[in-house]
Amino acid sequence: MATTYTPGRTVAHAMVTTQFELDNFRVVRTLGVVRGIVVRSRSIFGTIGAGLQTLVGGNITLLTNLCEKTRQEAFDLMLQHAAELGANAVVCARYDATEIMQGVTEVLAYGTAVVVEPVK
């Protein structure tokens, strides 16, 4: 029951929630689980830089930035997957991360693709 996918088309960030429903909208159709997966490794330079930052203490900005970028990519892929199915919203959005091997991590963003309409 997928619609034609338009490259670059995605679900709006404001139409994604970790809740079971979006305020002021009602679900008219559930399209299924959607996901975005990114597998990322640290570069040797990032590993060395992060190691140096641990000597000083505090926020390890190199790793924080890497994690944020990876989560954003997984999130964006999830929204593209939802748009491919014809969704205009995603409910029950979640993240998961798994270390596949030392220095290699999979980040998964997932949720339920739905079609919603404003409550009248």
PDB file of N, CA and C in Angstrom:
ATOM      1  N   MET A   1       0.831  -1.181   0.000  1.00  0.00           N
ATOM      2  CA  MET A   1       0.000   0.000   0.000  1.00  0.00           C
ATOM      3  C   MET A   1       0.882   1.254   0.000  1.00  0.00           C
ATOM      4  N   ALA A   2       2.063   1.153  -0.541  1.00  0.00           N
ATOM      5  CA  ALA A   2       2.985   2.279  -0.593  1.00  0.00           C
ATOM      6  C   ALA A   2       2.580   3.232  -1.706  1.00  0.00           C
ATOM      7  N   THR A   3       2.942   4.481  -1.517  1.00  0.00           N
ATOM      8  CA  THR A   3       2.708   5.469  -2.551  1.00  0.00           C
ATOM      9  C   THR A   3       4.012   5.684  -3.298  1.00  0.00           C
ATOM     10  N   THR A   4       3.946   6.407  -4.386  1.00  0.00           N
ATOM     11  CA  THR A   4       5.154   6.704  -5.143  1.00  0.00           C
ATOM     12  C   THR A   4       6.048   7.594  -4.302  1.00  0.00           C
ATOM     13  N   TYR A   5       7.306   7.206  -4.188  1.00  0.00           N
ATOM     14  CA  TYR A   5       8.262   7.957  -3.378  1.00  0.00           C
ATOM     15  C   TYR A   5       8.901   9.053  -4.204  1.00  0.00           C
ATOM     16  N   THR A   6       8.927  10.242  -3.650  1.00  0.00           N
ATOM     17  CA  THR A   6       9.598  11.370  -4.278  1.00  0.00           C
ATOM     18  C   THR A   6      10.926  11.588  -3.569  1.00  0.00           C
ATOM     19  N   PRO A   7      12.061  11.450  -4.279  1.00  0.00           N
ATOM     20  CA  PRO A   7      13.360  11.651  -3.616  1.00  0.00           C
ATOM     21  C   PRO A   7      13.400  12.984  -2.876  1.00  0.00           C
ATOM     22  N   GLY A   8      13.930  12.935  -1.669  1.00  0.00           N
ATOM     23  CA  GLY A   8      14.011  14.146  -0.860  1.00  0.00           C
ATOM     24  C   GLY A   8      12.780  14.381  -0.009  1.00  0.00           C
ATOM     25  N   ARG A   9      11.697  13.660  -0.296  1.00  0.00           N
ATOM     26  CA  ARG A   9      10.475  13.803   0.490  1.00  0.00           C
ATOM     27  C   ARG A   9      10.665  13.102   1.828  1.00  0.00           C
ATOM     28  N   THR A  10      10.208  13.738   2.883  1.00  0.00           N
ATOM     29  CA  THR A  10      10.365  13.176   4.213  1.00  0.00           C
ATOM     30  C   THR A  10       9.221  13.642   5.108  1.00  0.00           C
ATOM     31  N   VAL A  11       9.064  13.002   6.221  1.00  0.00           N
ATOM     32  CA  VAL A  11       8.079  13.416   7.218  1.00  0.00           C
ATOM     33  C   VAL A  11       8.663  14.602   7.986  1.00  0.00           C
ATOM     34  N   ALA A  12       7.860  15.612   8.257  1.00  0.00           N
ATOM     35  CA  ALA A  12       8.310  16.790   9.002  1.00  0.00           C
ATOM     36  C   ALA A  12       8.686  16.415  10.427  1.00  0.00           C
ATOM     37  N   HIS A  13       9.765  16.987  10.940  1.00  0.00           N
ATOM     38  CA  HIS A  13      10.231  16.709  12.302  1.00  0.00           C
ATOM     39  C   HIS A  13       9.136  16.972  13.337  1.00  0.00           C
ATOM     40  N   ALA A  14       8.311  17.971  13.101  1.00  0.00           N
ATOM     41  CA  ALA A  14       7.248  18.312  14.052  1.00  0.00           C
ATOM     42  C   ALA A  14       6.159  17.240  14.107  1.00  0.00           C
ATOM     43  N   MET A  15       6.183  16.316  13.150  1.00  0.00           N
ATOM     44  CA  MET A  15       5.171  15.256  13.087  1.00  0.00           C
ATOM     45  C   MET A  15       5.715  13.927  13.598  1.00  0.00           C
ATOM     46  N   VAL A  16       6.718  14.000  14.464  1.00  0.00           N
ATOM     47  CA  VAL A  16       7.308  12.804  15.065  1.00  0.00           C
ATOM     48  C   VAL A  16       7.207  12.941  16.577  1.00  0.00           C
ATOM     49  N   THR A  17       6.810  11.859  17.227  1.00  0.00           N
ATOM     50  CA  THR A  17       6.677  11.895  18.678  1.00  0.00           C
ATOM     51  C   THR A  17       7.041  10.535  19.280  1.00  0.00           C
ATOM     52  N   THR A  18       7.441  10.556  20.535  1.00  0.00           N
ATOM     53  CA  THR A  18       7.670   9.318  21.270  1.00  0.00           C
ATOM     54  C   THR A  18       6.371   8.826  21.908  1.00  0.00           C
ATOM     55  N   GLN A  19       5.336   9.642  21.854  1.00  0.00           N
ATOM     56  CA  GLN A  19       4.029   9.274  22.403  1.00  0.00           C
ATOM     57  C   GLN A  19       3.301   8.336  21.448  1.00  0.00           C
ATOM     58  N   PHE A  20       2.146   7.823  21.876  1.00  0.00           N
ATOM     59  CA  PHE A  20       1.337   6.952  21.035  1.00  0.00           C
ATOM     60  C   PHE A  20       0.455   7.738  20.074  1.00  0.00           C
ATOM     61  N   GLU A  21       0.329   9.044  20.296  1.00  0.00           N
ATOM     62  CA  GLU A  21      -0.494   9.888  19.426  1.00  0.00           C
ATOM     63  C   GLU A  21       0.079  11.292  19.393  1.00  0.00           C
ATOM     64  N   LEU A  22      -0.282  12.038  18.355  1.00  0.00           N
ATOM     65  CA  LEU A  22       0.120  13.439  18.224  1.00  0.00           C
ATOM     66  C   LEU A  22      -1.029  14.309  18.710  1.00  0.00           C
ATOM     67  N   ASP A  23      -0.707  15.288  19.533  1.00  0.00           N
ATOM     68  CA  ASP A  23      -1.744  16.199  20.019  1.00  0.00           C
ATOM     69  C   ASP A  23      -2.426  16.897  18.848  1.00  0.00           C
ATOM     70  N   ASN A  24      -3.750  16.995  18.917  1.00  0.00           N
ATOM     71  CA  ASN A  24      -4.592  17.672  17.935  1.00  0.00           C
ATOM     72  C   ASN A  24      -4.665  16.959  16.588  1.00  0.00           C
ATOM     73  N   PHE A  25      -4.235  15.695  16.536  1.00  0.00           N
ATOM     74  CA  PHE A  25      -4.333  14.885  15.325  1.00  0.00           C
ATOM     75  C   PHE A  25      -4.909  13.523  15.706  1.00  0.00           C
ATOM     76  N   ARG A  26      -5.549  12.893  14.735  1.00  0.00           N
ATOM     77  CA  ARG A  26      -6.001  11.524  14.957  1.00  0.00           C
ATOM     78  C   ARG A  26      -5.428  10.639  13.863  1.00  0.00           C
ATOM     79  N   VAL A  27      -5.070   9.430  14.256  1.00  0.00           N
ATOM     80  CA  VAL A  27      -4.513   8.465  13.312  1.00  0.00           C
ATOM     81  C   VAL A  27      -5.650   7.898  12.473  1.00  0.00           C
ATOM     82  N   VAL A  28      -5.502   7.997  11.161  1.00  0.00           N
ATOM     83  CA  VAL A  28      -6.517   7.442  10.263  1.00  0.00           C
ATOM     84  C   VAL A  28      -6.040   6.151   9.599  1.00  0.00           C
ATOM     85  N   ARG A  29      -4.718   5.922   9.621  1.00  0.00           N
ATOM     86  CA  ARG A  29      -4.178   4.693   9.050  1.00  0.00           C
ATOM     87  C   ARG A  29      -2.805   4.412   9.653  1.00  0.00           C
ATOM     88  N   THR A  30      -2.555   3.182   9.998  1.00  0.00           N
ATOM     89  CA  THR A  30      -1.245   2.752  10.482  1.00  0.00           C
ATOM     90  C   THR A  30      -0.567   1.985   9.361  1.00  0.00           C
ATOM     91  N   LEU A  31       0.668   2.393   9.036  1.00  0.00           N
ATOM     92  CA  LEU A  31       1.368   1.808   7.890  1.00  0.00           C
ATOM     93  C   LEU A  31       2.458   0.820   8.278  1.00  0.00           C
ATOM     94  N   GLY A  32       2.819   0.769   9.543  1.00  0.00           N
ATOM     95  CA  GLY A  32       3.803  -0.205   9.989  1.00  0.00           C
ATOM     96  C   GLY A  32       5.061   0.411  10.562  1.00  0.00           C
ATOM     97  N   VAL A  33       5.956  -0.464  10.964  1.00  0.00           N
ATOM     98  CA  VAL A  33       7.218  -0.047  11.575  1.00  0.00           C
ATOM     99  C   VAL A  33       8.154   0.502  10.502  1.00  0.00           C
ATOM    100  N   VAL A  34       8.800   1.605  10.841  1.00  0.00           N
ATOM    101  CA  VAL A  34       9.822   2.195   9.967  1.00  0.00           C
ATOM    102  C   VAL A  34      11.111   2.309  10.746  1.00  0.00           C
ATOM    103  N   ARG A  35      12.233   2.313  10.023  1.00  0.00           N
ATOM    104  CA  ARG A  35      13.517   2.380  10.713  1.00  0.00           C
ATOM    105  C   ARG A  35      14.556   3.079   9.855  1.00  0.00           C
ATOM    106  N   GLY A  36      15.559   3.569  10.542  1.00  0.00           N
ATOM    107  CA  GLY A  36      16.745   4.131   9.912  1.00  0.00           C
ATOM    108  C   GLY A  36      17.944   3.572  10.645  1.00  0.00           C
ATOM    109  N   ILE A  37      18.866   2.975   9.919  1.00  0.00           N
ATOM    110  CA  ILE A  37      20.023   2.331  10.539  1.00  0.00           C
ATOM    111  C   ILE A  37      21.303   2.962   9.997  1.00  0.00           C
ATOM    112  N   VAL A  38      22.206   3.303  10.914  1.00  0.00           N
ATOM    113  CA  VAL A  38      23.533   3.810  10.552  1.00  0.00           C
ATOM    114  C   VAL A  38      24.556   3.010  11.344  1.00  0.00           C
ATOM    115  N   VAL A  39      25.575   2.504  10.664  1.00  0.00           N
ATOM    116  CA  VAL A  39      26.679   1.818  11.324  1.00  0.00           C
ATOM    117  C   VAL A  39      27.899   2.705  11.151  1.00  0.00           C
ATOM    118  N   ARG A  40      28.503   3.076  12.260  1.00  0.00           N
ATOM    119  CA  ARG A  40      29.564   4.070  12.232  1.00  0.00           C
ATOM    120  C   ARG A  40      30.753   3.588  13.033  1.00  0.00           C
ATOM    121  N   SER A  41      31.942   3.913  12.548  1.00  0.00           N
ATOM    122  CA  SER A  41      33.165   3.629  13.306  1.00  0.00           C
ATOM    123  C   SER A  41      33.898   4.940  13.545  1.00  0.00           C
ATOM    124  N   ARG A  42      34.715   4.935  14.558  1.00  0.00           N
ATOM    125  CA  ARG A  42      35.546   6.109  14.842  1.00  0.00           C
ATOM    126  C   ARG A  42      36.789   6.041  13.964  1.00  0.00           C
ATOM    127  N   SER A  43      37.240   7.180  13.505  1.00  0.00           N
ATOM    128  CA  SER A  43      38.501   7.220  12.766  1.00  0.00           C
ATOM    129  C   SER A  43      39.653   7.180  13.766  1.00  0.00           C
ATOM    130  N   ILE A  44      40.822   6.877  13.292  1.00  0.00           N
ATOM    131  CA  ILE A  44      41.998   6.857  14.165  1.00  0.00           C
ATOM    132  C   ILE A  44      42.237   8.253  14.755  1.00  0.00           C
ATOM    133  N   PHE A  45      41.979   9.278  13.966  1.00  0.00           N
ATOM    134  CA  PHE A  45      42.174  10.655  14.450  1.00  0.00           C
ATOM    135  C   PHE A  45      41.151  11.007  15.530  1.00  0.00           C
ATOM    136  N   GLY A  46      39.901  10.561  15.315  1.00  0.00           N
ATOM    137  CA  GLY A  46      38.866  10.800  16.318  1.00  0.00           C
ATOM    138  C   GLY A  46      39.156  10.066  17.610  1.00  0.00           C
ATOM    139  N   THR A  47      39.672   8.851  17.489  1.00  0.00           N
ATOM    140  CA  THR A  47      40.009   8.057  18.671  1.00  0.00           C
ATOM    141  C   THR A  47      41.137   8.706  19.457  1.00  0.00           C
ATOM    142  N   ILE A  48      42.165   9.155  18.745  1.00  0.00           N
ATOM    143  CA  ILE A  48      43.295   9.824  19.409  1.00  0.00           C
ATOM    144  C   ILE A  48      42.834  11.130  20.045  1.00  0.00           C
ATOM    145  N   GLY A  49      42.051  11.921  19.289  1.00  0.00           N
ATOM    146  CA  GLY A  49      41.555  13.199  19.812  1.00  0.00           C
ATOM    147  C   GLY A  49      40.685  13.014  21.041  1.00  0.00           C
ATOM    148  N   ALA A  50      39.804  12.002  20.992  1.00  0.00           N
ATOM    149  CA  ALA A  50      38.935  11.730  22.144  1.00  0.00           C
ATOM    150  C   ALA A  50      39.769  11.267  23.329  1.00  0.00           C
ATOM    151  N   GLY A  51      40.797  10.473  23.055  1.00  0.00           N
ATOM    152  CA  GLY A  51      41.693  10.031  24.124  1.00  0.00           C
ATOM    153  C   GLY A  51      42.375  11.202  24.801  1.00  0.00           C
ATOM    154  N   LEU A  52      42.789  12.179  24.015  1.00  0.00           N
ATOM    155  CA  LEU A  52      43.418  13.376  24.582  1.00  0.00           C
ATOM    156  C   LEU A  52      42.413  14.179  25.401  1.00  0.00           C
ATOM    157  N   GLN A  53      41.175  14.259  24.921  1.00  0.00           N
ATOM    158  CA  GLN A  53      40.150  15.000  25.668  1.00  0.00           C
ATOM    159  C   GLN A  53      39.838  14.328  27.001  1.00  0.00           C
ATOM    160  N   THR A  54      39.962  13.006  27.087  1.00  0.00           N
ATOM    161  CA  THR A  54      39.688  12.340  28.360  1.00  0.00           C
ATOM    162  C   THR A  54      40.729  12.691  29.414  1.00  0.00           C
ATOM    163  N   LEU A  55      41.916  13.081  28.967  1.00  0.00           N
ATOM    164  CA  LEU A  55      42.957  13.478  29.920  1.00  0.00           C
ATOM    165  C   LEU A  55      42.578  14.759  30.654  1.00  0.00           C
ATOM    166  N   VAL A  56      41.862  15.631  29.960  1.00  0.00           N
ATOM    167  CA  VAL A  56      41.448  16.911  30.533  1.00  0.00           C
ATOM    168  C   VAL A  56      40.172  16.753  31.360  1.00  0.00           C
ATOM    169  N   GLY A  57      39.333  15.791  30.964  1.00  0.00           N
ATOM    170  CA  GLY A  57      38.059  15.582  31.650  1.00  0.00           C
ATOM    171  C   GLY A  57      36.952  16.410  31.029  1.00  0.00           C
ATOM    172  N   GLY A  58      35.758  16.183  31.484  1.00  0.00           N
ATOM    173  CA  GLY A  58      34.607  16.927  30.982  1.00  0.00           C
ATOM    174  C   GLY A  58      33.989  16.265  29.761  1.00  0.00           C
ATOM    175  N   ASN A  59      33.233  17.043  29.021  1.00  0.00           N
ATOM    176  CA  ASN A  59      32.538  16.569  27.834  1.00  0.00           C
ATOM    177  C   ASN A  59      33.547  16.203  26.746  1.00  0.00           C
ATOM    178  N   ILE A  60      33.443  15.014  26.196  1.00  0.00           N
ATOM    179  CA  ILE A  60      34.307  14.575  25.105  1.00  0.00           C
ATOM    180  C   ILE A  60      33.614  15.011  23.818  1.00  0.00           C
ATOM    181  N   THR A  61      33.853  16.239  23.399  1.00  0.00           N
ATOM    182  CA  THR A  61      33.109  16.854  22.298  1.00  0.00           C
ATOM    183  C   THR A  61      33.255  16.104  20.981  1.00  0.00           C
ATOM    184  N   LEU A  62      34.410  15.512  20.721  1.00  0.00           N
ATOM    185  CA  LEU A  62      34.576  14.762  19.471  1.00  0.00           C
ATOM    186  C   LEU A  62      33.587  13.597  19.409  1.00  0.00           C
ATOM    187  N   LEU A  63      33.435  12.889  20.514  1.00  0.00           N
ATOM    188  CA  LEU A  63      32.505  11.762  20.535  1.00  0.00           C
ATOM    189  C   LEU A  63      31.057  12.223  20.622  1.00  0.00           C
ATOM    190  N   THR A  64      30.804  13.307  21.340  1.00  0.00           N
ATOM    191  CA  THR A  64      29.447  13.858  21.410  1.00  0.00           C
ATOM    192  C   THR A  64      28.971  14.246  20.020  1.00  0.00           C
ATOM    193  N   ASN A  65      29.821  14.928  19.270  1.00  0.00           N
ATOM    194  CA  ASN A  65      29.458  15.349  17.912  1.00  0.00           C
ATOM    195  C   ASN A  65      29.240  14.142  16.999  1.00  0.00           C
ATOM    196  N   LEU A  66      30.083  13.127  17.125  1.00  0.00           N
ATOM    197  CA  LEU A  66      29.932  11.911  16.321  1.00  0.00           C
ATOM    198  C   LEU A  66      28.612  11.226  16.645  1.00  0.00           C
ATOM    199  N   CYS A  67      28.287  11.101  17.924  1.00  0.00           N
ATOM    200  CA  CYS A  67      27.028  10.471  18.334  1.00  0.00           C
ATOM    201  C   CYS A  67      25.825  11.261  17.829  1.00  0.00           C
ATOM    202  N   GLU A  68      25.878  12.570  17.961  1.00  0.00           N
ATOM    203  CA  GLU A  68      24.754  13.402  17.518  1.00  0.00           C
ATOM    204  C   GLU A  68      24.556  13.286  16.010  1.00  0.00           C
ATOM    205  N   LYS A  69      25.635  13.322  15.259  1.00  0.00           N
ATOM    206  CA  LYS A  69      25.551  13.214  13.798  1.00  0.00           C
ATOM    207  C   LYS A  69      24.978  11.855  13.401  1.00  0.00           C
ATOM    208  N   THR A  70      25.414  10.791  14.058  1.00  0.00           N
ATOM    209  CA  THR A  70      24.940   9.446  13.748  1.00  0.00           C
ATOM    210  C   THR A  70      23.459   9.296  14.072  1.00  0.00           C
ATOM    211  N   ARG A  71      23.031   9.796  15.224  1.00  0.00           N
ATOM    212  CA  ARG A  71      21.605   9.728  15.586  1.00  0.00           C
ATOM    213  C   ARG A  71      20.752  10.519  14.602  1.00  0.00           C
ATOM    214  N   GLN A  72      21.238  11.695  14.187  1.00  0.00           N
ATOM    215  CA  GLN A  72      20.485  12.519  13.239  1.00  0.00           C
ATOM    216  C   GLN A  72      20.339  11.813  11.898  1.00  0.00           C
ATOM    217  N   GLU A  73      21.403  11.156  11.433  1.00  0.00           N
ATOM    218  CA  GLU A  73      21.328  10.417  10.173  1.00  0.00           C
ATOM    219  C   GLU A  73      20.332   9.269  10.267  1.00  0.00           C
ATOM    220  N   ALA A  74      20.356   8.525  11.374  1.00  0.00           N
ATOM    221  CA  ALA A  74      19.413   7.420  11.561  1.00  0.00           C
ATOM    222  C   ALA A  74      17.978   7.947  11.611  1.00  0.00           C
ATOM    223  N   PHE A  75      17.770   9.062  12.306  1.00  0.00           N
ATOM    224  CA  PHE A  75      16.450   9.687  12.409  1.00  0.00           C
ATOM    225  C   PHE A  75      15.952  10.105  11.027  1.00  0.00           C
ATOM    226  N   ASP A  76      16.810  10.763  10.256  1.00  0.00           N
ATOM    227  CA  ASP A  76      16.430  11.206   8.915  1.00  0.00           C
ATOM    228  C   ASP A  76      16.093  10.032   8.001  1.00  0.00           C
ATOM    229  N   LEU A  77      16.847   8.936   8.106  1.00  0.00           N
ATOM    230  CA  LEU A  77      16.546   7.738   7.320  1.00  0.00           C
ATOM    231  C   LEU A  77      15.197   7.158   7.714  1.00  0.00           C
ATOM    232  N   MET A  78      14.877   7.181   9.009  1.00  0.00           N
ATOM    233  CA  MET A  78      13.577   6.703   9.460  1.00  0.00           C
ATOM    234  C   MET A  78      12.453   7.541   8.843  1.00  0.00           C
ATOM    235  N   LEU A  79      12.636   8.863   8.819  1.00  0.00           N
ATOM    236  CA  LEU A  79      11.614   9.741   8.245  1.00  0.00           C
ATOM    237  C   LEU A  79      11.452   9.517   6.741  1.00  0.00           C
ATOM    238  N   GLN A  80      12.550   9.254   6.056  1.00  0.00           N
ATOM    239  CA  GLN A  80      12.476   8.948   4.622  1.00  0.00           C
ATOM    240  C   GLN A  80      11.731   7.632   4.393  1.00  0.00           C
ATOM    241  N   HIS A  81      12.010   6.638   5.224  1.00  0.00           N
ATOM    242  CA  HIS A  81      11.323   5.353   5.127  1.00  0.00           C
ATOM    243  C   HIS A  81       9.814   5.548   5.330  1.00  0.00           C
ATOM    244  N   ALA A  82       9.445   6.360   6.315  1.00  0.00           N
ATOM    245  CA  ALA A  82       8.030   6.647   6.572  1.00  0.00           C
ATOM    246  C   ALA A  82       7.384   7.311   5.358  1.00  0.00           C
ATOM    247  N   ALA A  83       8.081   8.269   4.750  1.00  0.00           N
ATOM    248  CA  ALA A  83       7.542   8.956   3.571  1.00  0.00           C
ATOM    249  C   ALA A  83       7.371   7.983   2.407  1.00  0.00           C
ATOM    250  N   GLU A  84       8.286   7.036   2.259  1.00  0.00           N
ATOM    251  CA  GLU A  84       8.173   6.026   1.201  1.00  0.00           C
ATOM    252  C   GLU A  84       6.885   5.224   1.337  1.00  0.00           C
ATOM    253  N   LEU A  85       6.445   5.006   2.568  1.00  0.00           N
ATOM    254  CA  LEU A  85       5.214   4.256   2.811  1.00  0.00           C
ATOM    255  C   LEU A  85       3.968   5.122   2.672  1.00  0.00           C
ATOM    256  N   GLY A  86       4.148   6.434   2.545  1.00  0.00           N
ATOM    257  CA  GLY A  86       3.017   7.345   2.423  1.00  0.00           C
ATOM    258  C   GLY A  86       2.592   7.984   3.726  1.00  0.00           C
ATOM    259  N   ALA A  87       3.402   7.869   4.764  1.00  0.00           N
ATOM    260  CA  ALA A  87       3.073   8.438   6.071  1.00  0.00           C
ATOM    261  C   ALA A  87       3.281   9.948   6.091  1.00  0.00           C
ATOM    262  N   ASN A  88       2.552  10.616   6.976  1.00  0.00           N
ATOM    263  CA  ASN A  88       2.808  12.027   7.229  1.00  0.00           C
ATOM    264  C   ASN A  88       3.192  12.258   8.696  1.00  0.00           C
ATOM    265  N   ALA A  89       3.360  11.140   9.450  1.00  0.00           N
ATOM    266  CA  ALA A  89       3.767  11.245  10.844  1.00  0.00           C
ATOM    267  C   ALA A  89       4.376   9.915  11.300  1.00  0.00           C
ATOM    268  N   VAL A  90       5.137   9.998  12.402  1.00  0.00           N
ATOM    269  CA  VAL A  90       5.697   8.802  13.038  1.00  0.00           C
ATOM    270  C   VAL A  90       5.413   8.904  14.527  1.00  0.00           C
ATOM    271  N   VAL A  91       4.796   7.866  15.081  1.00  0.00           N
ATOM    272  CA  VAL A  91       4.533   7.821  16.517  1.00  0.00           C
ATOM    273  C   VAL A  91       5.402   6.730  17.146  1.00  0.00           C
ATOM    274  N   CYS A  92       5.543   6.794  18.445  1.00  0.00           N
ATOM    275  CA  CYS A  92       6.331   5.810  19.208  1.00  0.00           C
ATOM    276  C   CYS A  92       7.782   5.751  18.736  1.00  0.00           C
ATOM    277  N   ALA A  93       8.362   6.897  18.407  1.00  0.00           N
ATOM    278  CA  ALA A  93       9.748   6.930  17.912  1.00  0.00           C
ATOM    279  C   ALA A  93      10.717   6.592  19.039  1.00  0.00           C
ATOM    280  N   ARG A  94      11.730   5.806  18.706  1.00  0.00           N
ATOM    281  CA  ARG A  94      12.738   5.373  19.673  1.00  0.00           C
ATOM    282  C   ARG A  94      14.102   5.285  18.989  1.00  0.00           C
ATOM    283  N   TYR A  95      15.153   5.208  19.831  1.00  0.00           N
ATOM    284  CA  TYR A  95      16.521   4.960  19.371  1.00  0.00           C
ATOM    285  C   TYR A  95      17.046   3.721  20.076  1.00  0.00           C
ATOM    286  N   ASP A  96      17.963   3.042  19.419  1.00  0.00           N
ATOM    287  CA  ASP A  96      18.684   1.941  20.029  1.00  0.00           C
ATOM    288  C   ASP A  96      20.096   1.976  19.463  1.00  0.00           C
ATOM    289  N   ALA A  97      21.057   1.560  20.247  1.00  0.00           N
ATOM    290  CA  ALA A  97      22.449   1.507  19.786  1.00  0.00           C
ATOM    291  C   ALA A  97      23.075   0.214  20.262  1.00  0.00           C
ATOM    292  N   THR A  98      23.867  -0.386  19.382  1.00  0.00           N
ATOM    293  CA  THR A  98      24.542  -1.638  19.692  1.00  0.00           C
ATOM    294  C   THR A  98      25.966  -1.566  19.194  1.00  0.00           C
ATOM    295  N   GLU A  99      26.898  -1.974  20.049  1.00  0.00           N
ATOM    296  CA  GLU A  99      28.284  -2.047  19.597  1.00  0.00           C
ATOM    297  C   GLU A  99      28.454  -3.376  18.873  1.00  0.00           C
ATOM    298  N   ILE A 100      28.735  -3.303  17.577  1.00  0.00           N
ATOM    299  CA  ILE A 100      28.862  -4.498  16.747  1.00  0.00           C
ATOM    300  C   ILE A 100      30.235  -5.141  16.947  1.00  0.00           C
ATOM    301  N   MET A 101      31.244  -4.306  17.018  1.00  0.00           N
ATOM    302  CA  MET A 101      32.600  -4.736  17.328  1.00  0.00           C
ATOM    303  C   MET A 101      33.303  -3.530  17.936  1.00  0.00           C
ATOM    304  N   GLN A 102      34.460  -3.705  18.485  1.00  0.00           N
ATOM    305  CA  GLN A 102      35.121  -2.590  19.153  1.00  0.00           C
ATOM    306  C   GLN A 102      35.287  -1.414  18.188  1.00  0.00           C
ATOM    307  N   GLY A 103      34.720  -0.281  18.573  1.00  0.00           N
ATOM    308  CA  GLY A 103      34.827   0.929  17.768  1.00  0.00           C
ATOM    309  C   GLY A 103      33.809   1.044  16.664  1.00  0.00           C
ATOM    310  N   VAL A 104      32.908   0.053  16.525  1.00  0.00           N
ATOM    311  CA  VAL A 104      31.884   0.090  15.479  1.00  0.00           C
ATOM    312  C   VAL A 104      30.519  -0.035  16.154  1.00  0.00           C
ATOM    313  N   THR A 105      29.674   0.955  15.935  1.00  0.00           N
ATOM    314  CA  THR A 105      28.373   1.006  16.589  1.00  0.00           C
ATOM    315  C   THR A 105      27.262   1.154  15.561  1.00  0.00           C
ATOM    316  N   GLU A 106      26.184   0.419  15.786  1.00  0.00           N
ATOM    317  CA  GLU A 106      24.976   0.551  14.984  1.00  0.00           C
ATOM    318  C   GLU A 106      24.009   1.427  15.771  1.00  0.00           C
ATOM    319  N   VAL A 107      23.438   2.425  15.111  1.00  0.00           N
ATOM    320  CA  VAL A 107      22.391   3.244  15.721  1.00  0.00           C
ATOM    321  C   VAL A 107      21.129   3.047  14.899  1.00  0.00           C
ATOM    322  N   LEU A 108      20.062   2.715  15.593  1.00  0.00           N
ATOM    323  CA  LEU A 108      18.780   2.441  14.966  1.00  0.00           C
ATOM    324  C   LEU A 108      17.750   3.436  15.497  1.00  0.00           C
ATOM    325  N   ALA A 109      17.078   4.119  14.583  1.00  0.00           N
ATOM    326  CA  ALA A 109      15.927   4.952  14.933  1.00  0.00           C
ATOM    327  C   ALA A 109      14.715   4.224  14.361  1.00  0.00           C
ATOM    328  N   TYR A 110      13.659   4.050  15.181  1.00  0.00           N
ATOM    329  CA  TYR A 110      12.495   3.316  14.695  1.00  0.00           C
ATOM    330  C   TYR A 110      11.219   3.868  15.308  1.00  0.00           C
ATOM    331  N   GLY A 111      10.118   3.590  14.656  1.00  0.00           N
ATOM    332  CA  GLY A 111       8.821   4.033  15.134  1.00  0.00           C
ATOM    333  C   GLY A 111       7.739   3.448  14.256  1.00  0.00           C
ATOM    334  N   THR A 112       6.529   3.939  14.440  1.00  0.00           N
ATOM    335  CA  THR A 112       5.375   3.470  13.649  1.00  0.00           C
ATOM    336  C   THR A 112       4.946   4.581  12.708  1.00  0.00           C
ATOM    337  N   ALA A 113       4.945   4.275  11.416  1.00  0.00           N
ATOM    338  CA  ALA A 113       4.505   5.222  10.396  1.00  0.00           C
ATOM    339  C   ALA A 113       2.981   5.260  10.379  1.00  0.00           C
ATOM    340  N   VAL A 114       2.440   6.465  10.385  1.00  0.00           N
ATOM    341  CA  VAL A 114       0.992   6.637  10.391  1.00  0.00           C
ATOM    342  C   VAL A 114       0.579   7.781   9.468  1.00  0.00           C
ATOM    343  N   VAL A 115      -0.667   7.754   9.100  1.00  0.00           N
ATOM    344  CA  VAL A 115      -1.293   8.884   8.402  1.00  0.00           C
ATOM    345  C   VAL A 115      -2.217   9.511   9.426  1.00  0.00           C
ATOM    346  N   VAL A 116      -2.057  10.808   9.648  1.00  0.00           N
ATOM    347  CA  VAL A 116      -2.891  11.522  10.600  1.00  0.00           C
ATOM    348  C   VAL A 116      -3.625  12.669   9.917  1.00  0.00           C
ATOM    349  N   GLU A 117      -4.689  13.098  10.550  1.00  0.00           N
ATOM    350  CA  GLU A 117      -5.409  14.295  10.089  1.00  0.00           C
ATOM    351  C   GLU A 117      -5.770  15.117  11.325  1.00  0.00           C
ATOM    352  N   PRO A 118      -5.876  16.427  11.141  1.00  0.00           N
ATOM    353  CA  PRO A 118      -6.211  17.286  12.285  1.00  0.00           C
ATOM    354  C   PRO A 118      -7.567  16.932  12.871  1.00  0.00           C
ATOM    355  N   VAL A 119      -7.662  17.034  14.200  1.00  0.00           N
ATOM    356  CA  VAL A 119      -8.941  16.836  14.880  1.00  0.00           C
ATOM    357  C   VAL A 119      -9.784  18.062  14.620  1.00  0.00           C
ATOM    358  N   LYS A 120     -11.024  17.865  14.261  1.00  0.00           N
ATOM    359  CA  LYS A 120     -11.901  19.015  13.952  1.00  0.00           C
ATOM    360  C   LYS A 120     -12.734  19.390  15.133  1.00  0.00           C
TER     361      LYS A 120
END
